[in-house]
């Protein structure tokens, strides 16, 4: 079974691939060139899994690119990754008394750079990633 790369393990990359050996451009989704599906336009609610090789890893806080439009889908995927992490941290705050995640907040009057930082949900301080810190009570379970 061939899964559609726009929905499963998507990389939000260019839909076309140039094969130098054949001197020909192919559609990455294996459709005819005239019907080539551009995965960079797939709605997030239709994506099951993402692969961050092309976009850059979510903990690379310096993925800012002046060519924003080419990276727009990447930033949406990275934003979703950080939302999942933030939801985990919120759950830990409820389950483990005294747990407070380290988050870095941005100014309300945001520049394009600050808008990017909002995508990271407070998990970056400038270009530095703030690692996930486990709750103390969770650490106790690991030791015992």
N, C-alpha and C. Protein backbone atom coordinates (compact mmCIF):
# COMPACT_ATOMS: atom_id res chain seq x y z
N UNK A 1 0.84 -1.17 0.00
CA UNK A 1 0.00 0.00 0.00
C UNK A 1 0.89 1.24 0.00
N UNK A 2 0.65 2.11 -0.92
CA UNK A 2 1.38 3.38 -1.01
C UNK A 2 0.55 4.46 -0.33
N UNK A 3 1.10 5.05 0.73
CA UNK A 3 0.40 6.13 1.43
C UNK A 3 0.74 7.47 0.80
N UNK A 4 -0.21 8.35 0.75
CA UNK A 4 0.00 9.67 0.17
C UNK A 4 0.92 10.49 1.08
N UNK A 5 2.04 10.93 0.54
CA UNK A 5 3.06 11.64 1.32
C UNK A 5 2.60 13.02 1.79
N UNK A 6 1.50 13.51 1.29
CA UNK A 6 0.97 14.80 1.77
C UNK A 6 0.23 14.64 3.09
N UNK A 7 -0.19 13.42 3.41
CA UNK A 7 -0.96 13.17 4.62
C UNK A 7 -0.20 12.34 5.65
N UNK A 8 0.67 11.48 5.19
CA UNK A 8 1.44 10.60 6.07
C UNK A 8 2.92 10.90 5.92
N UNK A 9 3.55 11.26 7.04
CA UNK A 9 4.98 11.57 7.06
C UNK A 9 5.32 12.74 6.13
N UNK A 10 4.45 13.73 6.09
CA UNK A 10 4.65 14.87 5.21
C UNK A 10 5.90 15.65 5.60
N UNK A 11 6.56 16.22 4.61
CA UNK A 11 7.75 17.03 4.87
C UNK A 11 7.57 18.47 4.38
N UNK A 12 6.41 18.78 3.83
CA UNK A 12 6.13 20.13 3.33
C UNK A 12 7.21 20.60 2.38
N UNK A 13 7.64 19.71 1.50
CA UNK A 13 8.71 20.04 0.56
C UNK A 13 8.16 20.33 -0.84
N UNK A 14 9.04 20.71 -1.72
CA UNK A 14 8.69 21.01 -3.10
C UNK A 14 8.04 19.79 -3.74
N UNK A 15 6.92 19.96 -4.44
CA UNK A 15 6.24 18.80 -5.03
C UNK A 15 6.99 18.19 -6.22
N UNK A 16 7.95 18.90 -6.75
CA UNK A 16 8.67 18.42 -7.93
C UNK A 16 10.10 18.01 -7.59
N UNK A 17 10.57 16.97 -8.26
CA UNK A 17 11.94 16.47 -8.08
C UNK A 17 12.60 16.37 -9.45
N UNK A 18 13.78 16.99 -9.57
CA UNK A 18 14.52 16.91 -10.83
C UNK A 18 15.52 15.76 -10.74
N UNK A 19 15.39 14.78 -11.63
CA UNK A 19 16.30 13.65 -11.69
C UNK A 19 17.40 13.99 -12.70
N UNK A 20 18.60 14.20 -12.19
CA UNK A 20 19.71 14.61 -13.06
C UNK A 20 20.10 13.51 -14.04
N UNK A 21 20.03 12.25 -13.62
CA UNK A 21 20.40 11.14 -14.51
C UNK A 21 19.49 11.07 -15.72
N UNK A 22 18.20 11.31 -15.51
CA UNK A 22 17.23 11.25 -16.61
C UNK A 22 16.98 12.61 -17.24
N UNK A 23 17.52 13.67 -16.61
CA UNK A 23 17.33 15.03 -17.07
C UNK A 23 15.83 15.33 -17.21
N UNK A 24 15.09 14.98 -16.16
CA UNK A 24 13.64 15.10 -16.20
C UNK A 24 13.10 15.43 -14.81
N UNK A 25 12.02 16.18 -14.75
CA UNK A 25 11.36 16.52 -13.49
C UNK A 25 10.18 15.59 -13.27
N UNK A 26 10.07 15.08 -12.06
CA UNK A 26 8.99 14.17 -11.69
C UNK A 26 8.17 14.76 -10.55
N UNK A 27 6.94 14.30 -10.45
CA UNK A 27 6.08 14.67 -9.33
C UNK A 27 6.39 13.73 -8.18
N UNK A 28 6.64 14.29 -6.98
CA UNK A 28 6.98 13.45 -5.82
C UNK A 28 5.82 12.56 -5.38
N UNK A 29 4.59 12.95 -5.69
CA UNK A 29 3.44 12.12 -5.32
C UNK A 29 3.07 11.14 -6.43
N UNK A 30 3.92 11.02 -7.43
CA UNK A 30 3.82 10.04 -8.52
C UNK A 30 2.65 10.26 -9.47
N UNK A 31 2.04 11.41 -9.43
CA UNK A 31 0.94 11.74 -10.35
C UNK A 31 1.54 12.35 -11.62
N UNK A 32 0.74 12.48 -12.66
CA UNK A 32 1.21 13.21 -13.84
C UNK A 32 1.54 14.65 -13.44
N UNK A 33 2.52 15.25 -14.09
CA UNK A 33 2.97 16.59 -13.73
C UNK A 33 1.84 17.61 -13.69
N UNK A 34 0.87 17.49 -14.58
CA UNK A 34 -0.24 18.45 -14.62
C UNK A 34 -1.15 18.34 -13.40
N UNK A 35 -1.09 17.21 -12.69
CA UNK A 35 -1.95 16.98 -11.52
C UNK A 35 -1.13 16.84 -10.24
N UNK A 36 0.11 17.25 -10.27
CA UNK A 36 1.02 17.06 -9.14
C UNK A 36 0.50 17.76 -7.88
N UNK A 37 0.30 17.02 -6.81
CA UNK A 37 -0.24 17.55 -5.55
C UNK A 37 0.87 18.26 -4.78
N UNK A 38 0.61 19.49 -4.38
CA UNK A 38 1.58 20.26 -3.62
C UNK A 38 1.28 20.07 -2.13
N UNK A 39 2.10 19.30 -1.45
CA UNK A 39 1.88 18.99 -0.03
C UNK A 39 1.97 20.21 0.86
N UNK A 40 2.58 21.28 0.36
CA UNK A 40 2.70 22.50 1.16
C UNK A 40 1.36 23.21 1.33
N UNK A 41 0.32 22.73 0.61
CA UNK A 41 -1.01 23.33 0.71
C UNK A 41 -2.02 22.39 1.38
N UNK A 42 -1.56 21.30 1.96
CA UNK A 42 -2.45 20.36 2.63
C UNK A 42 -2.94 20.96 3.95
N UNK A 43 -4.25 21.02 4.18
CA UNK A 43 -4.76 21.54 5.46
C UNK A 43 -4.23 20.70 6.64
N UNK A 44 -3.86 21.37 7.72
CA UNK A 44 -3.29 20.67 8.87
C UNK A 44 -4.20 19.57 9.41
N UNK A 45 -5.51 19.80 9.38
CA UNK A 45 -6.42 18.80 9.94
C UNK A 45 -6.50 17.53 9.08
N UNK A 46 -5.84 17.52 7.91
CA UNK A 46 -5.81 16.34 7.07
C UNK A 46 -4.46 15.61 7.15
N UNK A 47 -3.51 16.16 7.89
CA UNK A 47 -2.18 15.56 8.02
C UNK A 47 -2.16 14.66 9.26
N UNK A 48 -1.70 13.42 9.07
CA UNK A 48 -1.64 12.47 10.17
C UNK A 48 -0.29 12.50 10.88
N UNK A 49 0.79 12.56 10.12
CA UNK A 49 2.13 12.61 10.70
C UNK A 49 3.00 13.54 9.88
N UNK A 50 4.01 14.11 10.54
CA UNK A 50 4.94 15.01 9.86
C UNK A 50 6.37 14.58 10.14
N UNK A 51 7.22 14.86 9.20
CA UNK A 51 8.65 14.56 9.28
C UNK A 51 9.37 15.89 9.11
N UNK A 52 10.26 16.24 10.03
CA UNK A 52 10.82 17.60 10.06
C UNK A 52 12.17 17.76 9.37
N UNK A 53 12.55 16.85 8.50
CA UNK A 53 13.84 16.96 7.83
C UNK A 53 13.95 18.23 6.98
N UNK A 54 12.95 18.52 6.20
CA UNK A 54 13.00 19.70 5.32
C UNK A 54 12.74 20.98 6.12
N UNK A 55 11.81 20.94 7.04
CA UNK A 55 11.42 22.13 7.80
C UNK A 55 12.46 22.55 8.84
N UNK A 56 13.17 21.60 9.36
CA UNK A 56 14.03 21.85 10.52
C UNK A 56 13.30 21.32 11.75
N UNK A 57 14.06 20.86 12.69
CA UNK A 57 13.48 20.27 13.89
C UNK A 57 12.81 21.33 14.75
N UNK A 58 11.73 20.97 15.47
CA UNK A 58 11.02 21.95 16.30
C UNK A 58 11.90 22.59 17.38
N UNK A 59 12.96 21.91 17.79
CA UNK A 59 13.83 22.50 18.81
C UNK A 59 14.97 23.33 18.18
N UNK A 60 14.93 23.53 16.87
CA UNK A 60 15.84 24.47 16.23
C UNK A 60 15.13 25.81 16.22
N UNK A 61 15.34 26.60 17.19
CA UNK A 61 14.61 27.85 17.34
C UNK A 61 15.03 28.91 16.34
N UNK A 62 15.99 28.61 15.51
CA UNK A 62 16.49 29.60 14.56
C UNK A 62 16.10 29.28 13.13
N UNK A 63 14.91 28.70 12.92
CA UNK A 63 14.50 28.33 11.56
C UNK A 63 13.91 29.51 10.79
N UNK A 64 14.00 30.70 11.34
CA UNK A 64 13.50 31.89 10.67
C UNK A 64 14.10 32.00 9.28
N UNK A 65 13.28 32.26 8.31
CA UNK A 65 13.71 32.38 6.93
C UNK A 65 13.00 33.58 6.32
N UNK A 66 13.73 34.45 5.68
CA UNK A 66 13.11 35.63 5.06
C UNK A 66 12.08 35.24 4.00
N UNK A 67 12.25 34.06 3.40
CA UNK A 67 11.32 33.59 2.39
C UNK A 67 10.17 32.84 3.08
N UNK A 68 9.38 33.57 3.86
CA UNK A 68 8.35 33.01 4.72
C UNK A 68 7.35 32.14 3.97
N UNK A 69 6.92 32.55 2.79
CA UNK A 69 5.88 31.82 2.06
C UNK A 69 6.29 30.38 1.77
N UNK A 70 7.57 30.16 1.46
CA UNK A 70 8.03 28.79 1.18
C UNK A 70 8.01 27.94 2.45
N UNK A 71 8.12 28.57 3.60
CA UNK A 71 8.18 27.85 4.88
C UNK A 71 6.87 27.91 5.65
N UNK A 72 5.84 28.48 5.09
CA UNK A 72 4.59 28.67 5.83
C UNK A 72 4.04 27.36 6.38
N UNK A 73 3.98 26.32 5.57
CA UNK A 73 3.47 25.02 6.03
C UNK A 73 4.39 24.45 7.11
N UNK A 74 5.69 24.65 6.96
CA UNK A 74 6.63 24.19 7.99
C UNK A 74 6.35 24.86 9.32
N UNK A 75 6.13 26.16 9.30
CA UNK A 75 5.89 26.88 10.54
C UNK A 75 4.58 26.43 11.19
N UNK A 76 3.59 26.09 10.38
CA UNK A 76 2.34 25.57 10.93
C UNK A 76 2.57 24.22 11.61
N UNK A 77 3.35 23.35 10.96
CA UNK A 77 3.64 22.04 11.54
C UNK A 77 4.46 22.17 12.82
N UNK A 78 5.45 23.05 12.82
CA UNK A 78 6.26 23.27 14.00
C UNK A 78 5.41 23.86 15.12
N UNK A 79 4.50 24.77 14.77
CA UNK A 79 3.59 25.34 15.76
C UNK A 79 2.73 24.27 16.41
N UNK A 80 2.25 23.31 15.62
CA UNK A 80 1.45 22.21 16.16
C UNK A 80 2.28 21.34 17.10
N UNK A 81 3.54 21.09 16.76
CA UNK A 81 4.43 20.31 17.62
C UNK A 81 4.56 21.00 18.98
N UNK A 82 4.76 22.32 18.96
CA UNK A 82 4.92 23.06 20.22
C UNK A 82 3.61 23.11 21.01
N UNK A 83 2.48 23.10 20.32
CA UNK A 83 1.19 23.05 21.04
C UNK A 83 1.05 21.72 21.79
N UNK A 84 1.49 20.63 21.16
CA UNK A 84 1.44 19.32 21.82
C UNK A 84 2.33 19.34 23.05
N UNK A 85 3.54 19.90 22.92
CA UNK A 85 4.43 19.97 24.08
C UNK A 85 3.80 20.82 25.19
N UNK A 86 3.21 21.96 24.82
CA UNK A 86 2.59 22.84 25.81
C UNK A 86 1.42 22.13 26.51
N UNK A 87 0.64 21.36 25.77
CA UNK A 87 -0.45 20.60 26.38
C UNK A 87 0.08 19.58 27.38
N UNK A 88 1.19 18.94 27.07
CA UNK A 88 1.82 18.01 28.00
C UNK A 88 2.25 18.74 29.27
N UNK A 89 2.86 19.91 29.09
CA UNK A 89 3.30 20.69 30.25
C UNK A 89 2.11 21.13 31.10
N UNK A 90 1.01 21.49 30.46
CA UNK A 90 -0.20 21.87 31.22
C UNK A 90 -0.74 20.69 32.02
N UNK A 91 -0.73 19.51 31.39
CA UNK A 91 -1.19 18.31 32.09
C UNK A 91 -0.30 18.02 33.29
N UNK A 92 1.00 18.15 33.13
CA UNK A 92 1.94 17.93 34.24
C UNK A 92 1.72 18.95 35.36
N UNK A 93 1.37 20.19 34.99
CA UNK A 93 1.10 21.21 36.02
C UNK A 93 -0.08 20.79 36.89
N UNK A 94 -1.08 20.15 36.28
CA UNK A 94 -2.24 19.69 37.03
C UNK A 94 -1.94 18.44 37.86
N UNK A 95 -1.14 17.54 37.34
CA UNK A 95 -0.87 16.26 37.99
C UNK A 95 0.23 16.32 39.03
N UNK A 96 1.19 17.22 38.87
CA UNK A 96 2.36 17.26 39.75
C UNK A 96 2.45 18.62 40.42
N UNK A 97 2.03 18.72 41.68
CA UNK A 97 2.08 20.00 42.40
C UNK A 97 3.49 20.59 42.40
N UNK A 98 3.56 21.87 42.13
CA UNK A 98 4.85 22.55 42.13
C UNK A 98 5.56 22.55 40.79
N UNK A 99 5.04 21.77 39.82
CA UNK A 99 5.70 21.76 38.51
C UNK A 99 5.34 23.03 37.75
N UNK A 100 6.35 23.73 37.30
CA UNK A 100 6.15 24.93 36.49
C UNK A 100 7.11 24.86 35.31
N UNK A 101 6.60 24.78 34.09
CA UNK A 101 7.51 24.74 32.94
C UNK A 101 8.18 26.09 32.74
N UNK A 102 9.37 26.07 32.21
CA UNK A 102 10.07 27.31 31.89
C UNK A 102 9.63 27.74 30.50
N UNK A 103 8.93 28.87 30.43
CA UNK A 103 8.45 29.39 29.15
C UNK A 103 8.93 30.82 28.98
N UNK A 104 9.24 31.19 27.76
CA UNK A 104 9.70 32.54 27.46
C UNK A 104 8.60 33.22 26.65
N UNK A 105 8.07 34.33 27.15
CA UNK A 105 6.95 35.00 26.49
C UNK A 105 7.44 36.17 25.64
N UNK A 106 6.57 36.59 24.71
CA UNK A 106 6.92 37.65 23.77
C UNK A 106 6.06 38.88 24.00
N UNK A 107 6.47 39.96 23.41
CA UNK A 107 5.78 41.24 23.52
C UNK A 107 4.48 41.22 22.71
N UNK A 108 3.47 41.90 23.19
CA UNK A 108 2.17 41.93 22.50
C UNK A 108 2.24 42.66 21.16
N UNK A 109 3.08 43.69 21.05
CA UNK A 109 3.25 44.39 19.77
C UNK A 109 4.36 43.67 19.02
N UNK A 110 3.97 42.67 18.24
CA UNK A 110 4.96 41.76 17.70
C UNK A 110 5.46 42.11 16.31
N UNK A 111 6.73 41.88 16.12
CA UNK A 111 7.37 42.01 14.82
C UNK A 111 7.26 40.65 14.13
N UNK A 112 7.64 40.54 12.84
CA UNK A 112 7.63 39.21 12.21
C UNK A 112 8.47 38.19 12.98
N UNK A 113 9.58 38.63 13.54
CA UNK A 113 10.44 37.74 14.33
C UNK A 113 9.69 37.28 15.59
N UNK A 114 8.97 38.18 16.22
CA UNK A 114 8.21 37.82 17.42
C UNK A 114 7.05 36.89 17.08
N UNK A 115 6.45 37.09 15.92
CA UNK A 115 5.36 36.20 15.47
C UNK A 115 5.90 34.77 15.33
N UNK A 116 7.12 34.65 14.82
CA UNK A 116 7.76 33.35 14.72
C UNK A 116 7.94 32.76 16.12
N UNK A 117 8.38 33.56 17.06
CA UNK A 117 8.62 33.07 18.41
C UNK A 117 7.31 32.59 19.05
N UNK A 118 6.18 33.23 18.72
CA UNK A 118 4.89 32.78 19.23
C UNK A 118 4.60 31.37 18.73
N UNK A 119 5.03 31.07 17.52
CA UNK A 119 4.87 29.73 16.97
C UNK A 119 5.48 28.69 17.90
N UNK A 120 6.56 29.08 18.57
CA UNK A 120 7.28 28.15 19.45
C UNK A 120 6.66 28.07 20.84
N UNK A 121 5.53 28.74 21.08
CA UNK A 121 4.77 28.63 22.32
C UNK A 121 5.59 28.89 23.58
N UNK A 122 6.61 29.74 23.48
CA UNK A 122 7.41 30.07 24.65
C UNK A 122 8.54 29.09 24.92
N UNK A 123 8.76 28.13 24.03
CA UNK A 123 9.80 27.11 24.24
C UNK A 123 11.17 27.54 23.73
N UNK A 124 11.28 28.77 23.24
CA UNK A 124 12.56 29.27 22.75
C UNK A 124 12.86 30.62 23.40
N UNK A 125 14.10 30.84 23.72
CA UNK A 125 14.56 32.13 24.21
C UNK A 125 15.55 32.62 23.15
N UNK A 126 15.07 33.51 22.29
CA UNK A 126 15.89 33.89 21.14
C UNK A 126 16.04 32.68 20.24
N UNK A 127 17.27 32.31 19.95
CA UNK A 127 17.52 31.13 19.12
C UNK A 127 17.83 29.89 19.96
N UNK A 128 17.68 29.99 21.29
CA UNK A 128 17.99 28.87 22.17
C UNK A 128 16.71 28.14 22.57
N UNK A 129 16.72 26.84 22.41
CA UNK A 129 15.59 25.99 22.78
C UNK A 129 15.61 25.75 24.29
N UNK A 130 14.45 25.84 24.92
CA UNK A 130 14.33 25.56 26.35
C UNK A 130 13.88 24.10 26.46
N UNK A 131 14.78 23.21 26.92
CA UNK A 131 14.44 21.77 26.97
C UNK A 131 13.25 21.49 27.88
N UNK A 132 12.54 20.43 27.56
CA UNK A 132 11.42 19.98 28.37
C UNK A 132 11.97 19.51 29.71
N UNK A 133 11.42 20.02 30.79
CA UNK A 133 11.85 19.65 32.14
C UNK A 133 10.78 18.75 32.74
N UNK A 134 11.18 17.57 33.16
CA UNK A 134 10.23 16.63 33.76
C UNK A 134 9.87 17.06 35.17
N UNK A 135 8.65 16.79 35.59
CA UNK A 135 8.26 17.11 36.97
C UNK A 135 9.08 16.27 37.96
N UNK A 136 9.34 16.84 39.14
CA UNK A 136 10.12 16.13 40.16
C UNK A 136 9.50 14.80 40.53
N UNK A 137 8.18 14.76 40.66
CA UNK A 137 7.54 13.50 41.04
C UNK A 137 7.72 12.45 39.95
N UNK A 138 7.80 12.88 38.70
CA UNK A 138 8.05 11.94 37.61
C UNK A 138 9.47 11.40 37.72
N UNK A 139 10.43 12.28 38.05
CA UNK A 139 11.82 11.84 38.23
C UNK A 139 11.91 10.76 39.30
N UNK A 140 11.09 10.86 40.35
CA UNK A 140 11.10 9.89 41.44
C UNK A 140 10.71 8.51 40.91
N UNK A 141 9.75 8.46 39.98
CA UNK A 141 9.35 7.16 39.42
C UNK A 141 10.48 6.53 38.61
N UNK A 142 11.29 7.36 37.96
CA UNK A 142 12.39 6.84 37.17
C UNK A 142 13.48 6.22 38.05
N UNK A 143 13.70 6.80 39.23
CA UNK A 143 14.77 6.36 40.12
C UNK A 143 14.39 5.08 40.84
N UNK A 144 13.14 4.95 41.24
CA UNK A 144 12.71 3.79 42.04
C UNK A 144 12.68 2.50 41.25
